[in-house]
Amino acid sequence: MGFGYGRYGSHGTIGIRTGTQINEYDEGLLIIDFLKADSDIILWRGKSTRVVEIHSAPEKIIQDIDQTIEKMLAQFPPDK
């Protein structure tokens, strides 16, 4: 909610604003799982979400994914 007032020449103004603002965006999710050999037991999971820029060049997309993977793997191995 907002409230404001102003003055223009000899006229005064008052404005009141209520409501919410909605922003839409696309979000990508990348998951890396390390599994125990010969089983489906997850030993470690890295997850990252990121806003996806529409119409990005393929090189930019690959660079963003590589940076995301680097950040996720920097957290491996987990602290005991």
C-alpha atoms as a PDB file:
ATOM      1  CA  MET A   1       0.000   0.000   0.000  1.00  0.00           C
ATOM      2  CA  GLY A   2       1.278   3.424  -0.804  1.00  0.00           C
ATOM      3  CA  PHE A   3       0.194   6.966  -0.128  1.00  0.00           C
ATOM      4  CA  GLY A   4       1.513  10.158  -1.589  1.00  0.00           C
ATOM      5  CA  TYR A   5       0.713  13.772  -2.108  1.00  0.00           C
ATOM      6  CA  GLY A   6       2.035  16.496  -4.297  1.00  0.00           C
ATOM      7  CA  ARG A   7       1.529  20.009  -5.491  1.00  0.00           C
ATOM      8  CA  TYR A   8       1.403  21.390  -8.996  1.00  0.00           C
ATOM      9  CA  GLY A   9       0.950  25.109  -9.244  1.00  0.00           C
ATOM     10  CA  SER A  10      -2.033  26.067  -7.097  1.00  0.00           C
ATOM     11  CA  HIS A  11      -3.514  22.558  -7.279  1.00  0.00           C
ATOM     12  CA  GLY A  12      -2.851  19.818  -4.759  1.00  0.00           C
ATOM     13  CA  THR A  13      -2.942  16.094  -5.534  1.00  0.00           C
ATOM     14  CA  ILE A  14      -3.339  12.998  -3.432  1.00  0.00           C
ATOM     15  CA  GLY A  15      -2.665   9.479  -4.622  1.00  0.00           C
ATOM     16  CA  ILE A  16      -3.381   6.174  -2.960  1.00  0.00           C
ATOM     17  CA  ARG A  17      -2.166   2.852  -4.304  1.00  0.00           C
ATOM     18  CA  THR A  18      -3.067  -0.590  -3.061  1.00  0.00           C
ATOM     19  CA  GLY A  19      -2.625  -4.033  -4.506  1.00  0.00           C
ATOM     20  CA  THR A  20       0.126  -6.360  -5.498  1.00  0.00           C
ATOM     21  CA  GLN A  21       2.512  -6.605  -8.398  1.00  0.00           C
ATOM     22  CA  ILE A  22       2.869  -9.883 -10.258  1.00  0.00           C
ATOM     23  CA  ASN A  23       6.053 -10.736 -12.136  1.00  0.00           C
ATOM     24  CA  GLU A  24       6.231 -13.819 -14.322  1.00  0.00           C
ATOM     25  CA  TYR A  25       9.472 -15.591 -15.175  1.00  0.00           C
ATOM     26  CA  ASP A  26      10.722 -18.999 -16.269  1.00  0.00           C
ATOM     27  CA  GLU A  27      12.802 -20.973 -13.822  1.00  0.00           C
ATOM     28  CA  GLY A  28      15.079 -23.917 -14.539  1.00  0.00           C
ATOM     29  CA  LEU A  29      15.936 -26.726 -12.116  1.00  0.00           C
ATOM     30  CA  LEU A  30      19.160 -28.739 -12.278  1.00  0.00           C
ATOM     31  CA  ILE A  31      19.629 -31.828 -10.082  1.00  0.00           C
ATOM     32  CA  ILE A  32      22.768 -33.953  -9.770  1.00  0.00           C
ATOM     33  CA  ASP A  33      22.475 -37.219  -7.864  1.00  0.00           C
ATOM     34  CA  PHE A  34      25.366 -39.438  -6.760  1.00  0.00           C
ATOM     35  CA  LEU A  35      24.027 -42.955  -6.260  1.00  0.00           C
ATOM     36  CA  LYS A  36      25.458 -45.908  -4.369  1.00  0.00           C
ATOM     37  CA  ALA A  37      26.818 -48.460  -6.832  1.00  0.00           C
ATOM     38  CA  ASP A  38      24.333 -51.209  -7.765  1.00  0.00           C
ATOM     39  CA  SER A  39      21.428 -49.509  -5.982  1.00  0.00           C
ATOM     40  CA  ASP A  40      19.065 -46.574  -6.100  1.00  0.00           C
ATOM     41  CA  ILE A  41      20.281 -45.139  -2.800  1.00  0.00           C
ATOM     42  CA  ILE A  42      21.138 -41.448  -3.154  1.00  0.00           C
ATOM     43  CA  LEU A  43      24.413 -40.654  -1.415  1.00  0.00           C
ATOM     44  CA  TRP A  44      24.378 -36.962  -2.307  1.00  0.00           C
ATOM     45  CA  ARG A  45      22.066 -34.611  -4.164  1.00  0.00           C
ATOM     46  CA  GLY A  46      22.913 -31.201  -5.541  1.00  0.00           C
ATOM     47  CA  LYS A  47      20.026 -28.947  -6.537  1.00  0.00           C
ATOM     48  CA  SER A  48      19.967 -25.517  -8.087  1.00  0.00           C
ATOM     49  CA  THR A  49      17.251 -23.276  -9.463  1.00  0.00           C
ATOM     50  CA  ARG A  50      17.803 -20.276 -11.649  1.00  0.00           C
ATOM     51  CA  VAL A  51      15.813 -17.783 -13.645  1.00  0.00           C
ATOM     52  CA  VAL A  52      16.040 -18.734 -17.318  1.00  0.00           C
ATOM     53  CA  GLU A  53      16.706 -15.892 -19.699  1.00  0.00           C
ATOM     54  CA  ILE A  54      14.514 -16.293 -22.759  1.00  0.00           C
ATOM     55  CA  HIS A  55      16.286 -16.079 -26.119  1.00  0.00           C
ATOM     56  CA  SER A  56      19.762 -16.488 -24.651  1.00  0.00           C
ATOM     57  CA  ALA A  57      22.502 -17.570 -27.024  1.00  0.00           C
ATOM     58  CA  PRO A  58      23.406 -21.275 -26.751  1.00  0.00           C
ATOM     59  CA  GLU A  59      26.927 -20.339 -25.606  1.00  0.00           C
ATOM     60  CA  LYS A  60      25.479 -18.261 -22.736  1.00  0.00           C
ATOM     61  CA  ILE A  61      23.189 -21.116 -21.684  1.00  0.00           C
ATOM     62  CA  ILE A  62      26.119 -23.565 -21.615  1.00  0.00           C
ATOM     63  CA  GLN A  63      28.233 -21.085 -19.633  1.00  0.00           C
ATOM     64  CA  ASP A  64      25.421 -20.610 -17.077  1.00  0.00           C
ATOM     65  CA  ILE A  65      24.976 -24.386 -16.692  1.00  0.00           C
ATOM     66  CA  ASP A  66      28.725 -24.921 -16.270  1.00  0.00           C
ATOM     67  CA  GLN A  67      28.891 -22.234 -13.560  1.00  0.00           C
ATOM     68  CA  THR A  68      25.908 -23.762 -11.780  1.00  0.00           C
ATOM     69  CA  ILE A  69      27.490 -27.235 -11.826  1.00  0.00           C
ATOM     70  CA  GLU A  70      30.777 -25.828 -10.468  1.00  0.00           C
ATOM     71  CA  LYS A  71      28.964 -24.182  -7.544  1.00  0.00           C
ATOM     72  CA  MET A  72      27.017 -27.350  -6.780  1.00  0.00           C
ATOM     73  CA  LEU A  73      30.083 -29.621  -6.884  1.00  0.00           C
ATOM     74  CA  ALA A  74      32.014 -27.221  -4.657  1.00  0.00           C
ATOM     75  CA  GLN A  75      29.664 -28.404  -1.899  1.00  0.00           C
ATOM     76  CA  PHE A  76      30.715 -32.035  -2.402  1.00  0.00           C
ATOM     77  CA  PRO A  77      31.654 -34.008  -0.410  1.00  0.00           C
ATOM     78  CA  PRO A  78      29.233 -32.964   2.310  1.00  0.00           C
ATOM     79  CA  ASP A  79      30.461 -32.196   5.812  1.00  0.00           C
ATOM     80  CA  LYS A  80      30.136 -35.126   8.168  1.00  0.00           C
END
